[in-house]
Amino acid sequence: MIEEKTPDEFKLVLDKLEDYNDITRIFEHMSTAELVNFFDGLSDAAWRHTTSTEWQSYVMHLSSQCFKSILDEMTREEILDIWNNFDDMMSRKFFTGLEMADIYHFTKEEWNAAFIGFSASDFKTMFFDRMDFKGIMFVSDQIDVDMDDFLDDLTLDDWRHFTSAEWEAFLSGQELDDIVEFIHEMIVEDPKVVEDMFAAMPKEMLDDFRNTPELSY
């Protein structure tokens, strides 16, 4: 049937289906070449009228890499609109299918959409926990909002599970007075977190702290 229709005409058939499983079953009977021709041949107007069911079928049938290639062309607002169609299982299927190389090749719009769409805890677990210092700093530079808000939204358990790279990134972005204030607040919540921070602190910064009278009380 697809050979007799243009991609836009074939999509009109899919538009009528209300269960994404029905669409994925159709995709399973299509060759790779037919699928490529379908997605590559859709007009901008057709993409703008993609139904919720179609988006669900796309994320479930396509590899994470192929679905990401669709998101690569979109704004953060468009990405967030698409994500409103997915349940937790669909989101998990996409993100667990990505390799670190795919993640490092997120567009600026994809990073900002992810930052808005995830809680601070989930963003930390999904991305920063898996990155080195350079990766964390690169991503932080892609985010358009103040990262201080992100830090404020982290839970005590998040701080307890900071990686060495996360501590290095945190410390590099703070003034000495801010770190002193953090220590005074965190020592009450969990002294072990402060110990972990000092264990990850560069020697030059440790030397600065030896001459910091604010830590004497």
N, C-alpha and C. Protein backbone atom coordinates (compact mmCIF):
# COMPACT_ATOMS: atom_id res chain seq x y z
N MET A 1 0.82 -1.20 0.00
CA MET A 1 0.00 0.00 0.00
C MET A 1 0.86 1.25 0.00
N ILE A 2 1.98 1.24 0.73
CA ILE A 2 2.79 2.43 0.83
C ILE A 2 3.40 2.80 -0.52
N GLU A 3 3.63 1.80 -1.39
CA GLU A 3 4.20 2.08 -2.70
C GLU A 3 3.23 2.86 -3.57
N GLU A 4 1.96 2.80 -3.23
CA GLU A 4 0.95 3.49 -4.04
C GLU A 4 0.64 4.90 -3.51
N LYS A 5 1.24 5.28 -2.41
CA LYS A 5 0.93 6.56 -1.79
C LYS A 5 2.21 7.34 -1.53
N THR A 6 2.08 8.67 -1.51
CA THR A 6 3.18 9.51 -1.05
C THR A 6 3.26 9.39 0.47
N PRO A 7 4.39 9.78 1.08
CA PRO A 7 4.48 9.74 2.54
C PRO A 7 3.35 10.50 3.23
N ASP A 8 3.01 11.68 2.70
CA ASP A 8 1.93 12.45 3.32
C ASP A 8 0.59 11.73 3.22
N GLU A 9 0.36 11.06 2.09
CA GLU A 9 -0.88 10.31 1.90
C GLU A 9 -0.91 9.09 2.81
N PHE A 10 0.22 8.44 2.97
CA PHE A 10 0.28 7.28 3.85
C PHE A 10 0.06 7.70 5.30
N LYS A 11 0.59 8.87 5.67
CA LYS A 11 0.38 9.37 7.03
C LYS A 11 -1.11 9.60 7.31
N LEU A 12 -1.88 9.99 6.31
CA LEU A 12 -3.31 10.19 6.51
C LEU A 12 -4.00 8.91 6.96
N VAL A 13 -3.46 7.77 6.53
CA VAL A 13 -3.97 6.48 6.99
C VAL A 13 -3.63 6.28 8.47
N LEU A 14 -2.38 6.61 8.83
CA LEU A 14 -1.94 6.46 10.22
C LEU A 14 -2.69 7.41 11.14
N ASP A 15 -3.06 8.58 10.62
CA ASP A 15 -3.77 9.57 11.44
C ASP A 15 -5.05 9.01 12.05
N LYS A 16 -5.64 8.03 11.41
CA LYS A 16 -6.93 7.50 11.85
C LYS A 16 -6.79 6.47 12.98
N LEU A 17 -5.58 6.02 13.23
CA LEU A 17 -5.36 4.98 14.23
C LEU A 17 -5.20 5.60 15.61
N GLU A 18 -5.78 4.98 16.62
CA GLU A 18 -5.81 5.54 17.97
C GLU A 18 -4.95 4.77 18.96
N ASP A 19 -4.32 3.70 18.51
CA ASP A 19 -3.45 2.90 19.37
C ASP A 19 -2.08 2.82 18.69
N TYR A 20 -1.05 3.26 19.39
CA TYR A 20 0.28 3.28 18.77
C TYR A 20 0.75 1.88 18.37
N ASN A 21 0.25 0.86 19.05
CA ASN A 21 0.64 -0.51 18.71
C ASN A 21 0.19 -0.88 17.29
N ASP A 22 -0.95 -0.35 16.86
CA ASP A 22 -1.42 -0.61 15.51
C ASP A 22 -0.47 -0.03 14.48
N ILE A 23 0.09 1.14 14.79
CA ILE A 23 1.03 1.76 13.86
C ILE A 23 2.36 1.00 13.85
N THR A 24 2.84 0.63 15.03
CA THR A 24 4.12 -0.10 15.06
C THR A 24 4.01 -1.44 14.35
N ARG A 25 2.84 -2.06 14.40
CA ARG A 25 2.66 -3.32 13.66
C ARG A 25 2.76 -3.08 12.16
N ILE A 26 2.27 -1.95 11.70
CA ILE A 26 2.41 -1.61 10.29
C ILE A 26 3.89 -1.40 9.95
N PHE A 27 4.59 -0.66 10.81
CA PHE A 27 6.01 -0.40 10.58
C PHE A 27 6.82 -1.70 10.52
N GLU A 28 6.42 -2.68 11.33
CA GLU A 28 7.15 -3.95 11.37
C GLU A 28 7.08 -4.70 10.05
N HIS A 29 6.07 -4.41 9.24
CA HIS A 29 5.93 -5.06 7.93
C HIS A 29 6.53 -4.23 6.80
N MET A 30 7.15 -3.12 7.16
CA MET A 30 7.80 -2.27 6.16
C MET A 30 9.30 -2.51 6.16
N SER A 31 9.90 -2.42 5.02
CA SER A 31 11.35 -2.57 4.92
C SER A 31 12.04 -1.31 5.45
N THR A 32 13.32 -1.43 5.71
CA THR A 32 14.09 -0.26 6.16
C THR A 32 14.01 0.86 5.13
N ALA A 33 14.12 0.49 3.85
CA ALA A 33 14.05 1.50 2.79
C ALA A 33 12.70 2.20 2.77
N GLU A 34 11.63 1.45 3.00
CA GLU A 34 10.29 2.05 3.01
C GLU A 34 10.13 3.01 4.18
N LEU A 35 10.66 2.62 5.33
CA LEU A 35 10.59 3.49 6.50
C LEU A 35 11.38 4.78 6.27
N VAL A 36 12.58 4.63 5.71
CA VAL A 36 13.41 5.81 5.45
C VAL A 36 12.70 6.73 4.47
N ASN A 37 12.13 6.17 3.43
CA ASN A 37 11.41 6.98 2.45
C ASN A 37 10.21 7.69 3.06
N PHE A 38 9.54 6.98 3.99
CA PHE A 38 8.38 7.58 4.64
C PHE A 38 8.79 8.79 5.48
N PHE A 39 9.75 8.61 6.38
CA PHE A 39 10.13 9.70 7.28
C PHE A 39 10.82 10.83 6.53
N ASP A 40 11.69 10.49 5.60
CA ASP A 40 12.39 11.53 4.85
C ASP A 40 11.45 12.28 3.91
N GLY A 41 10.37 11.64 3.49
CA GLY A 41 9.49 12.25 2.51
C GLY A 41 8.35 13.06 3.08
N LEU A 42 8.18 13.03 4.41
CA LEU A 42 7.09 13.80 5.01
C LEU A 42 7.33 15.30 4.85
N SER A 43 6.30 16.01 4.50
CA SER A 43 6.40 17.47 4.36
C SER A 43 6.40 18.12 5.73
N ASP A 44 6.81 19.38 5.77
CA ASP A 44 6.78 20.12 7.03
C ASP A 44 5.36 20.19 7.59
N ALA A 45 4.41 20.35 6.71
CA ALA A 45 3.01 20.42 7.14
C ALA A 45 2.58 19.10 7.79
N ALA A 46 3.03 17.99 7.23
CA ALA A 46 2.69 16.68 7.79
C ALA A 46 3.31 16.50 9.17
N TRP A 47 4.56 16.91 9.32
CA TRP A 47 5.22 16.82 10.63
C TRP A 47 4.48 17.65 11.67
N ARG A 48 4.03 18.84 11.27
CA ARG A 48 3.32 19.72 12.22
C ARG A 48 2.00 19.11 12.68
N HIS A 49 1.45 18.19 11.90
CA HIS A 49 0.17 17.58 12.25
C HIS A 49 0.32 16.13 12.70
N THR A 50 1.51 15.81 13.22
CA THR A 50 1.73 14.47 13.77
C THR A 50 0.85 14.29 15.00
N THR A 51 0.12 13.19 15.06
CA THR A 51 -0.78 12.94 16.18
C THR A 51 0.00 12.39 17.37
N SER A 52 -0.63 12.46 18.53
CA SER A 52 -0.03 11.90 19.74
C SER A 52 0.28 10.41 19.55
N THR A 53 -0.65 9.69 18.95
CA THR A 53 -0.45 8.25 18.72
C THR A 53 0.73 8.01 17.78
N GLU A 54 0.88 8.85 16.78
CA GLU A 54 2.01 8.68 15.86
C GLU A 54 3.34 8.94 16.57
N TRP A 55 3.40 9.99 17.38
CA TRP A 55 4.64 10.23 18.13
C TRP A 55 4.97 9.04 19.02
N GLN A 56 3.97 8.47 19.66
CA GLN A 56 4.20 7.31 20.51
C GLN A 56 4.74 6.13 19.71
N SER A 57 4.20 5.94 18.54
CA SER A 57 4.68 4.82 17.70
C SER A 57 6.10 5.06 17.22
N TYR A 58 6.43 6.32 16.93
CA TYR A 58 7.77 6.64 16.45
C TYR A 58 8.82 6.34 17.53
N VAL A 59 8.56 6.81 18.76
CA VAL A 59 9.55 6.61 19.81
C VAL A 59 9.68 5.14 20.20
N MET A 60 8.59 4.38 20.05
CA MET A 60 8.64 2.97 20.41
C MET A 60 9.25 2.10 19.31
N HIS A 61 9.03 2.47 18.05
CA HIS A 61 9.52 1.62 16.97
C HIS A 61 10.94 1.98 16.54
N LEU A 62 11.25 3.24 16.47
CA LEU A 62 12.57 3.66 16.00
C LEU A 62 13.62 3.46 17.09
N SER A 63 14.86 3.30 16.66
CA SER A 63 15.95 3.27 17.63
C SER A 63 16.05 4.65 18.29
N SER A 64 16.67 4.70 19.46
CA SER A 64 16.83 5.99 20.14
C SER A 64 17.62 6.97 19.27
N GLN A 65 18.60 6.43 18.54
CA GLN A 65 19.42 7.28 17.68
C GLN A 65 18.60 7.88 16.54
N CYS A 66 17.73 7.06 15.95
CA CYS A 66 16.89 7.56 14.86
C CYS A 66 15.88 8.58 15.37
N PHE A 67 15.30 8.32 16.54
CA PHE A 67 14.34 9.28 17.07
C PHE A 67 15.03 10.58 17.45
N LYS A 68 16.24 10.47 17.99
CA LYS A 68 17.00 11.69 18.32
C LYS A 68 17.25 12.52 17.07
N SER A 69 17.49 11.87 15.94
CA SER A 69 17.75 12.62 14.70
C SER A 69 16.53 13.48 14.31
N ILE A 70 15.34 13.05 14.72
CA ILE A 70 14.13 13.87 14.50
C ILE A 70 14.15 15.07 15.43
N LEU A 71 14.49 14.82 16.70
CA LEU A 71 14.52 15.90 17.68
C LEU A 71 15.63 16.92 17.37
N ASP A 72 16.67 16.46 16.72
CA ASP A 72 17.81 17.35 16.42
C ASP A 72 17.39 18.60 15.64
N GLU A 73 16.29 18.50 14.91
CA GLU A 73 15.86 19.62 14.06
C GLU A 73 14.86 20.53 14.75
N MET A 74 14.59 20.29 16.03
CA MET A 74 13.48 20.98 16.70
C MET A 74 13.94 21.94 17.77
N THR A 75 13.04 22.85 18.12
CA THR A 75 13.27 23.78 19.23
C THR A 75 12.93 23.08 20.54
N ARG A 76 13.36 23.69 21.64
CA ARG A 76 13.06 23.10 22.95
C ARG A 76 11.56 23.03 23.20
N GLU A 77 10.83 24.05 22.74
CA GLU A 77 9.38 24.06 22.93
C GLU A 77 8.73 22.91 22.16
N GLU A 78 9.18 22.67 20.94
CA GLU A 78 8.64 21.57 20.15
C GLU A 78 8.96 20.23 20.79
N ILE A 79 10.17 20.10 21.31
CA ILE A 79 10.57 18.84 21.96
C ILE A 79 9.72 18.58 23.19
N LEU A 80 9.50 19.61 23.99
CA LEU A 80 8.69 19.45 25.20
C LEU A 80 7.25 19.11 24.86
N ASP A 81 6.73 19.69 23.79
CA ASP A 81 5.38 19.36 23.34
C ASP A 81 5.28 17.89 22.95
N ILE A 82 6.29 17.40 22.25
CA ILE A 82 6.32 15.99 21.85
C ILE A 82 6.36 15.11 23.09
N TRP A 83 7.17 15.50 24.07
CA TRP A 83 7.36 14.65 25.25
C TRP A 83 6.10 14.54 26.09
N ASN A 84 5.21 15.49 25.95
CA ASN A 84 3.94 15.42 26.69
C ASN A 84 3.08 14.25 26.23
N ASN A 85 3.43 13.64 25.09
CA ASN A 85 2.68 12.50 24.58
C ASN A 85 3.15 11.17 25.16
N PHE A 86 4.26 11.18 25.90
CA PHE A 86 4.88 9.92 26.31
C PHE A 86 4.63 9.63 27.79
N ASP A 87 4.53 8.34 28.10
CA ASP A 87 4.49 7.93 29.50
C ASP A 87 5.91 7.60 29.94
N ASP A 88 6.08 7.20 31.20
CA ASP A 88 7.42 6.93 31.73
C ASP A 88 8.12 5.81 30.97
N MET A 89 7.37 4.80 30.58
CA MET A 89 7.96 3.67 29.86
C MET A 89 8.54 4.12 28.52
N MET A 90 7.84 4.98 27.82
CA MET A 90 8.31 5.46 26.52
C MET A 90 9.56 6.33 26.67
N SER A 91 9.55 7.20 27.69
CA SER A 91 10.72 8.04 27.94
C SER A 91 11.92 7.19 28.32
N ARG A 92 11.69 6.19 29.15
CA ARG A 92 12.78 5.32 29.59
C ARG A 92 13.35 4.55 28.41
N LYS A 93 12.47 4.09 27.51
CA LYS A 93 12.93 3.36 26.33
C LYS A 93 13.87 4.22 25.49
N PHE A 94 13.52 5.50 25.33
CA PHE A 94 14.36 6.39 24.54
C PHE A 94 15.71 6.64 25.21
N PHE A 95 15.70 7.07 26.46
CA PHE A 95 16.93 7.50 27.11
C PHE A 95 17.88 6.33 27.40
N THR A 96 17.35 5.17 27.74
CA THR A 96 18.23 4.03 28.00
C THR A 96 18.84 3.49 26.72
N GLY A 97 18.26 3.84 25.58
CA GLY A 97 18.82 3.40 24.31
C GLY A 97 19.92 4.28 23.78
N LEU A 98 20.15 5.42 24.43
CA LEU A 98 21.20 6.33 23.99
C LEU A 98 22.55 5.94 24.55
N GLU A 99 23.58 6.03 23.73
CA GLU A 99 24.96 5.87 24.18
C GLU A 99 25.47 7.23 24.65
N MET A 100 26.57 7.24 25.39
CA MET A 100 27.13 8.51 25.84
C MET A 100 27.50 9.39 24.67
N ALA A 101 27.95 8.81 23.57
CA ALA A 101 28.28 9.60 22.38
C ALA A 101 27.05 10.34 21.87
N ASP A 102 25.89 9.68 21.92
CA ASP A 102 24.64 10.33 21.50
C ASP A 102 24.31 11.49 22.43
N ILE A 103 24.48 11.27 23.72
CA ILE A 103 24.15 12.30 24.71
C ILE A 103 25.05 13.51 24.54
N TYR A 104 26.35 13.28 24.32
CA TYR A 104 27.26 14.40 24.14
C TYR A 104 26.97 15.17 22.86
N HIS A 105 26.21 14.58 21.95
CA HIS A 105 25.85 15.26 20.71
C HIS A 105 24.43 15.83 20.75
N PHE A 106 23.86 15.98 21.96
CA PHE A 106 22.62 16.71 22.09
C PHE A 106 22.80 18.12 21.55
N THR A 107 21.78 18.63 20.90
CA THR A 107 21.80 20.04 20.50
C THR A 107 21.54 20.91 21.72
N LYS A 108 21.81 22.20 21.59
CA LYS A 108 21.52 23.13 22.69
C LYS A 108 20.03 23.08 23.04
N GLU A 109 19.18 22.96 22.02
CA GLU A 109 17.74 22.90 22.26
C GLU A 109 17.36 21.62 23.02
N GLU A 110 18.01 20.51 22.68
CA GLU A 110 17.74 19.25 23.37
C GLU A 110 18.17 19.32 24.83
N TRP A 111 19.33 19.95 25.09
CA TRP A 111 19.78 20.09 26.48
C TRP A 111 18.81 20.93 27.29
N ASN A 112 18.36 22.03 26.72
CA ASN A 112 17.46 22.90 27.47
C ASN A 112 16.10 22.26 27.67
N ALA A 113 15.64 21.48 26.68
CA ALA A 113 14.37 20.76 26.85
C ALA A 113 14.50 19.72 27.96
N ALA A 114 15.62 18.99 27.98
CA ALA A 114 15.83 17.99 29.02
C ALA A 114 15.93 18.64 30.39
N PHE A 115 16.60 19.79 30.45
CA PHE A 115 16.77 20.48 31.73
C PHE A 115 15.43 20.96 32.28
N ILE A 116 14.56 21.42 31.39
CA ILE A 116 13.23 21.86 31.80
C ILE A 116 12.34 20.67 32.15
N GLY A 117 12.47 19.62 31.37
CA GLY A 117 11.56 18.48 31.50
C GLY A 117 11.86 17.57 32.68
N PHE A 118 13.13 17.50 33.09
CA PHE A 118 13.51 16.63 34.20
C PHE A 118 13.59 17.42 35.51
N SER A 119 13.33 16.75 36.61
CA SER A 119 13.65 17.34 37.91
C SER A 119 15.16 17.42 38.04
N ALA A 120 15.64 18.23 38.98
CA ALA A 120 17.09 18.34 39.19
C ALA A 120 17.69 16.98 39.52
N SER A 121 17.02 16.22 40.36
CA SER A 121 17.52 14.89 40.75
C SER A 121 17.62 13.96 39.55
N ASP A 122 16.57 13.94 38.73
CA ASP A 122 16.57 13.06 37.57
C ASP A 122 17.62 13.49 36.54
N PHE A 123 17.77 14.81 36.36
CA PHE A 123 18.77 15.30 35.41
C PHE A 123 20.17 14.90 35.86
N LYS A 124 20.44 15.04 37.16
CA LYS A 124 21.73 14.64 37.72
C LYS A 124 21.99 13.15 37.47
N THR A 125 20.99 12.33 37.77
CA THR A 125 21.16 10.88 37.63
C THR A 125 21.31 10.48 36.17
N MET A 126 20.50 11.07 35.30
CA MET A 126 20.50 10.69 33.89
C MET A 126 21.75 11.13 33.16
N PHE A 127 22.29 12.30 33.53
CA PHE A 127 23.37 12.88 32.75
C PHE A 127 24.65 13.12 33.55
N PHE A 128 24.62 14.01 34.54
CA PHE A 128 25.84 14.41 35.21
C PHE A 128 26.55 13.25 35.90
N ASP A 129 25.79 12.30 36.46
CA ASP A 129 26.42 11.17 37.15
C ASP A 129 27.29 10.34 36.21
N ARG A 130 27.03 10.42 34.92
CA ARG A 130 27.73 9.60 33.93
C ARG A 130 28.85 10.36 33.22
N MET A 131 29.08 11.62 33.62
CA MET A 131 30.00 12.48 32.88
C MET A 131 31.25 12.80 33.68
N ASP A 132 32.30 13.16 32.93
CA ASP A 132 33.49 13.68 33.58
C ASP A 132 33.35 15.18 33.76
N PHE A 133 34.36 15.81 34.34
CA PHE A 133 34.29 17.24 34.64
C PHE A 133 34.06 18.06 33.38
N LYS A 134 34.78 17.77 32.32
CA LYS A 134 34.65 18.54 31.09
C LYS A 134 33.24 18.41 30.51
N GLY A 135 32.68 17.20 30.59
CA GLY A 135 31.32 16.99 30.08
C GLY A 135 30.30 17.79 30.86
N ILE A 136 30.43 17.80 32.19
CA ILE A 136 29.49 18.54 33.03
C ILE A 136 29.58 20.03 32.73
N MET A 137 30.79 20.54 32.59
CA MET A 137 30.96 21.97 32.32
C MET A 137 30.43 22.33 30.94
N PHE A 138 30.62 21.44 29.97
CA PHE A 138 30.10 21.68 28.63
C PHE A 138 28.58 21.78 28.65
N VAL A 139 27.94 20.84 29.32
CA VAL A 139 26.47 20.84 29.38
C VAL A 139 25.98 22.08 30.14
N SER A 140 26.64 22.43 31.23
CA SER A 140 26.24 23.60 32.00
C SER A 140 26.27 24.86 31.14
N ASP A 141 27.23 24.92 30.22
CA ASP A 141 27.32 26.08 29.32
C ASP A 141 26.19 26.10 28.30
N GLN A 142 25.58 24.95 28.04
CA GLN A 142 24.48 24.88 27.08
C GLN A 142 23.15 25.33 27.68
N ILE A 143 23.06 25.28 29.01
CA ILE A 143 21.81 25.59 29.70
C ILE A 143 21.64 27.10 29.83
N ASP A 144 20.47 27.59 29.49
CA ASP A 144 20.23 29.03 29.45
C ASP A 144 19.80 29.62 30.79
N VAL A 145 19.46 28.78 31.75
CA VAL A 145 19.00 29.30 33.04
C VAL A 145 20.12 29.18 34.07
N ASP A 146 19.96 29.89 35.19
CA ASP A 146 20.96 29.92 36.23
C ASP A 146 21.09 28.54 36.88
N MET A 147 22.30 28.01 36.89
CA MET A 147 22.51 26.68 37.47
C MET A 147 22.37 26.69 38.99
N ASP A 148 22.37 27.88 39.61
CA ASP A 148 22.15 27.94 41.05
C ASP A 148 20.77 27.40 41.42
N ASP A 149 19.80 27.63 40.54
CA ASP A 149 18.45 27.09 40.79
C ASP A 149 18.48 25.57 40.77
N PHE A 150 19.28 25.00 39.88
CA PHE A 150 19.44 23.54 39.81
C PHE A 150 20.03 23.02 41.12
N LEU A 151 21.07 23.67 41.62
CA LEU A 151 21.71 23.23 42.86
C LEU A 151 20.74 23.33 44.03
N ASP A 152 19.94 24.39 44.05
CA ASP A 152 18.98 24.57 45.15
C ASP A 152 17.92 23.47 45.16
N ASP A 153 17.64 22.88 44.00
CA ASP A 153 16.59 21.86 43.89
C ASP A 153 17.09 20.45 44.16
N LEU A 154 18.39 20.28 44.32
CA LEU A 154 18.94 18.95 44.63
C LEU A 154 18.55 18.54 46.05
N THR A 155 18.29 17.25 46.23
CA THR A 155 17.94 16.73 47.55
C THR A 155 19.21 16.39 48.33
N LEU A 156 19.05 16.17 49.61
CA LEU A 156 20.18 15.76 50.44
C LEU A 156 20.77 14.45 49.91
N ASP A 157 19.92 13.55 49.48
CA ASP A 157 20.41 12.28 48.93
C ASP A 157 21.23 12.51 47.66
N ASP A 158 20.85 13.50 46.85
CA ASP A 158 21.64 13.83 45.66
C ASP A 158 23.05 14.26 46.07
N TRP A 159 23.14 15.13 47.07
CA TRP A 159 24.46 15.59 47.53
C TRP A 159 25.28 14.44 48.10
N ARG A 160 24.62 13.50 48.71
CA ARG A 160 25.33 12.35 49.28
C ARG A 160 25.93 11.46 48.19
N HIS A 161 25.42 11.58 46.98
CA HIS A 161 25.88 10.73 45.89
C HIS A 161 26.54 11.53 44.77
N PHE A 162 27.18 12.62 45.15
CA PHE A 162 27.96 13.39 44.17
C PHE A 162 29.18 12.58 43.75
N THR A 163 29.46 12.61 42.45
CA THR A 163 30.69 12.00 41.95
C THR A 163 31.84 13.00 42.12
N SER A 164 33.07 12.52 41.96
CA SER A 164 34.24 13.41 42.03
C SER A 164 34.15 14.50 40.97
N ALA A 165 33.68 14.13 39.77
CA ALA A 165 33.53 15.10 38.69
C ALA A 165 32.48 16.16 39.04
N GLU A 166 31.39 15.75 39.68
CA GLU A 166 30.35 16.70 40.07
C GLU A 166 30.85 17.66 41.14
N TRP A 167 31.64 17.14 42.09
CA TRP A 167 32.21 18.04 43.10
C TRP A 167 33.17 19.03 42.44
N GLU A 168 33.98 18.56 41.53
CA GLU A 168 34.92 19.45 40.86
C GLU A 168 34.19 20.55 40.10
N ALA A 169 33.10 20.19 39.42
CA ALA A 169 32.32 21.18 38.69
C ALA A 169 31.65 22.15 39.65
N PHE A 170 31.11 21.64 40.74
CA PHE A 170 30.45 22.50 41.74
C PHE A 170 31.44 23.49 42.32
N LEU A 171 32.59 23.01 42.73
CA LEU A 171 33.57 23.88 43.38
C LEU A 171 34.13 24.92 42.41
N SER A 172 34.28 24.55 41.16
CA SER A 172 34.84 25.49 40.18
C SER A 172 33.91 26.66 39.90
N GLY A 173 32.62 26.49 40.19
CA GLY A 173 31.65 27.53 39.89
C GLY A 173 31.25 28.36 41.09
N GLN A 174 31.93 28.17 42.23
CA GLN A 174 31.54 28.86 43.46
C GLN A 174 32.64 29.78 43.95
N GLU A 175 32.22 30.91 44.53
CA GLU A 175 33.16 31.78 45.24
C GLU A 175 33.45 31.16 46.61
N LEU A 176 34.59 31.53 47.18
CA LEU A 176 34.99 30.97 48.47
C LEU A 176 33.93 31.23 49.54
N ASP A 177 33.36 32.43 49.55
CA ASP A 177 32.34 32.75 50.55
C ASP A 177 31.10 31.86 50.39
N ASP A 178 30.76 31.53 49.15
CA ASP A 178 29.60 30.67 48.89
C ASP A 178 29.86 29.26 49.40
N ILE A 179 31.07 28.80 49.22
CA ILE A 179 31.41 27.45 49.69
C ILE A 179 31.39 27.41 51.22
N VAL A 180 31.88 28.46 51.83
CA VAL A 180 31.83 28.54 53.30
C VAL A 180 30.40 28.47 53.79
N GLU A 181 29.51 29.21 53.14
CA GLU A 181 28.09 29.18 53.51
C GLU A 181 27.50 27.78 53.30
N PHE A 182 27.88 27.14 52.20
CA PHE A 182 27.41 25.78 51.94
C PHE A 182 27.87 24.83 53.06
N ILE A 183 29.10 24.97 53.48
CA ILE A 183 29.63 24.10 54.53
C ILE A 183 28.85 24.28 55.83
N HIS A 184 28.58 25.52 56.19
CA HIS A 184 27.85 25.79 57.43
C HIS A 184 26.44 25.18 57.39
N GLU A 185 25.81 25.22 56.22
CA GLU A 185 24.47 24.67 56.09
C GLU A 185 24.49 23.14 56.04
N MET A 186 25.44 22.59 55.28
CA MET A 186 25.45 21.14 55.08
C MET A 186 25.98 20.38 56.29
N ILE A 187 26.84 21.00 57.06
CA ILE A 187 27.39 20.30 58.23
C ILE A 187 26.29 19.92 59.20
N VAL A 188 25.20 20.70 59.20
CA VAL A 188 24.05 20.41 60.06
C VAL A 188 23.25 19.24 59.49
N GLU A 189 23.15 19.18 58.17
CA GLU A 189 22.35 18.15 57.52
C GLU A 189 23.07 16.80 57.50
N ASP A 190 24.34 16.83 57.06
CA ASP A 190 25.09 15.58 56.96
C ASP A 190 26.58 15.91 56.84
N PRO A 191 27.35 15.78 57.93
CA PRO A 191 28.78 16.11 57.89
C PRO A 191 29.56 15.29 56.85
N LYS A 192 29.06 14.09 56.54
CA LYS A 192 29.76 13.24 55.56
C LYS A 192 29.82 13.90 54.18
N VAL A 193 28.78 14.66 53.83
CA VAL A 193 28.77 15.36 52.54
C VAL A 193 29.91 16.37 52.50
N VAL A 194 30.14 17.07 53.59
CA VAL A 194 31.23 18.04 53.66
C VAL A 194 32.58 17.32 53.55
N GLU A 195 32.68 16.18 54.21
CA GLU A 195 33.92 15.40 54.11
C GLU A 195 34.19 14.99 52.65
N ASP A 196 33.15 14.55 51.98
CA ASP A 196 33.28 14.16 50.57
C ASP A 196 33.72 15.34 49.71
N MET A 197 33.17 16.52 50.01
CA MET A 197 33.53 17.71 49.24
C MET A 197 35.01 18.03 49.43
N PHE A 198 35.48 18.00 50.66
CA PHE A 198 36.89 18.30 50.91
C PHE A 198 37.80 17.25 50.28
N ALA A 199 37.35 16.01 50.25
CA ALA A 199 38.16 14.95 49.64
C ALA A 199 38.34 15.18 48.14
N ALA A 200 37.35 15.84 47.51
CA ALA A 200 37.43 16.11 46.08
C ALA A 200 38.01 17.49 45.77
N MET A 201 38.29 18.29 46.78
CA MET A 201 38.71 19.67 46.58
C MET A 201 40.16 19.74 46.10
N PRO A 202 40.43 20.56 45.07
CA PRO A 202 41.81 20.72 44.59
C PRO A 202 42.71 21.29 45.68
N LYS A 203 43.99 20.97 45.62
CA LYS A 203 44.94 21.38 46.66
C LYS A 203 44.98 22.90 46.81
N GLU A 204 44.92 23.63 45.69
CA GLU A 204 45.00 25.08 45.77
C GLU A 204 43.84 25.65 46.59
N MET A 205 42.66 25.08 46.41
CA MET A 205 41.50 25.55 47.16
C MET A 205 41.60 25.15 48.63
N LEU A 206 42.15 23.98 48.89
CA LEU A 206 42.35 23.56 50.27
C LEU A 206 43.28 24.53 51.00
N ASP A 207 44.30 24.98 50.30
CA ASP A 207 45.24 25.94 50.89
C ASP A 207 44.51 27.24 51.23
N ASP A 208 43.59 27.66 50.35
CA ASP A 208 42.82 28.87 50.64
C ASP A 208 41.96 28.70 51.89
N PHE A 209 41.45 27.50 52.09
CA PHE A 209 40.56 27.27 53.23
C PHE A 209 41.34 27.26 54.55
N ARG A 210 42.60 26.94 54.49
CA ARG A 210 43.39 26.95 55.72
C ARG A 210 43.52 28.37 56.28
N ASN A 211 43.32 29.35 55.44
CA ASN A 211 43.44 30.75 55.85
C ASN A 211 42.07 31.44 55.87
N THR A 212 41.01 30.66 56.06
CA THR A 212 39.66 31.21 56.06
C THR A 212 39.12 31.25 57.48
N PRO A 213 39.11 32.42 58.12
CA PRO A 213 38.66 32.50 59.53
C PRO A 213 37.20 32.14 59.72
N GLU A 214 36.39 32.25 58.64
CA GLU A 214 34.96 31.96 58.78
C GLU A 214 34.70 30.51 59.17
N LEU A 215 35.68 29.65 58.96
CA LEU A 215 35.48 28.22 59.28
C LEU A 215 35.88 27.90 60.72
N SER A 216 36.23 28.91 61.47
CA SER A 216 36.71 28.65 62.83
C SER A 216 35.58 28.49 63.83
N TYR A 217 34.33 28.74 63.38
CA TYR A 217 33.19 28.57 64.30
C TYR A 217 32.21 27.57 63.76
